[in-house]
Amino acid sequence: MKKPELLVPANNVEVLKTAVIYGADAVYIGGEAYGLRAGAKNASDEELQEGIRFAHERGKKVYVTANILAHNEDFPGLRTYFETLKEIQPDALIISDPGVFMTAKEVCPDIDIHISTQANNTNYQTFAFWHDLGAKRVVAGRELSLKELKDIRDNIPEDLEIETFVHGAMCISYSGRCLLSNYLTGRDANRGECTHPCRWKYSVMEETRPGEYFPVFENERGTFIFNSKDLNMIEHLKELAATGTDSLKIEGRMKTALYVATAARTYRLALDDLFEDPAKYEARLPWYKEELGKCTNREFTTGFFFGKPGKDEQIYDGATYVTTHIYIGSTAGTDASGRAVFTQKNKFEKGDVIEIMKPSGENIETEVLDIFNDRGEEMVAASHASEILHVRFSVMPEMYDILRMKKKEQQ
């Protein structure tokens, strides 16, 4: 087996840096347009350039998404966008639309093209088709089993890479190609504006009884009929590697730096342990699972990898996430007084016990000793999101350390 690449999401350049520091081999990110996460902050051209430089200095790669299903009016802007990316030089473009693919090949002939899962890539003939057109990599549809991935590997050219999702949210629609959002809200999921109606609560109304709503029940468990559990393959990395898959992809371009750091670090350590000594990997499985449980999630599933999911792979009684820890901030350095400087993400108080997440895998508890805002005013509690804070801890975090705290009700 060869060790697969670990591919991690980012919704802006700061999260990209977090992904690199916490173990990603490569990061995928969107520009300000033409990706399927219009709701993410994404990155300007200047930020993309900064992020790519940061990654390349550390021997890591950056892939830029341009995976919308384009309409005619998109192409003039797409051509201009690709001209800019030609100068910025990401390591690859992620594309699903054949027209966008041809435009990218023409404008950016020296940049690799990866075919997005949105293109419904579920068989080796489709993979070979894209290879013949010049694609470097194809992202497998999430509907494939481990056996199907292995069959694809055995029937495609050796130089064509396979990428598959290993962790994160699942979509109720085939390879993510959904019309619900467009129909219900006018916002097109296939052009980056999904409103996630699959997570909504539904009822039935009989045509001649307007206003009389009847809940939709499945096995009397609830009404959230489209709500899938989240993918988690941390226990099956050996099986995934055995398929010959080249890249394992974590979903989450809408997620926080805490989520990205936790998932990236856990899968990085798990992959390294597996390829160093499978027994070490097996022994540390409880720790990996515990760490991933600290990421916000909707319960976990292995998706389609071991066969078609059954009724237990859906969540029927709610659409809320399971959250045990909250994100406090990411350390940006220290001030002249030696206090840690970071932008606050959630409320915490003097005397709280915070956990420092180290890229190495170490978790260190530290107490908040004092808090000052950027104007030098001392504070008892930090309750204003996005405020720049200067904090002294009993154990001081270092640059890029992630700070998280167990939710009060979990303590």
Foldseek 3Di string as FASTA:
>chain_A
DDQAFEEFEALFLVLLLLLLQLAHQEYEFEECFQALAVVGNTYHLVRLLVSQVSQVVVNHFYEYENAFQDDPVCPVVLLVVLLSCLVSPGQEYEYAHPVSVVSNCVNNVPHAYEYALLNVAQALVVLQVVVVVPHQEYEHWLQDALVRLLVNCVRHDVRYAYEYEAWWADFLDGSQQDCVQCVPPVAHSSGRGRPPPLQDFDWDDDPVGPPDTHADDDVNQAGSVRAFWIEHCLVPVVSNVVSVHRYYYYDDNRDDSLLRSLVNNLSSVLSVQCVVPVVSNVVCVVVSVVSNLQHWTDDYDNRDHPHHDDPVRGHGHHNGTDHFKDFQFWFAAADPVRFTKTFGAAKDFQQAWKWWQRSNRDIDIKGWHWKAFPVRDTDGMDHDGRTIITTDIPDHDHHGITIMHGPPVND
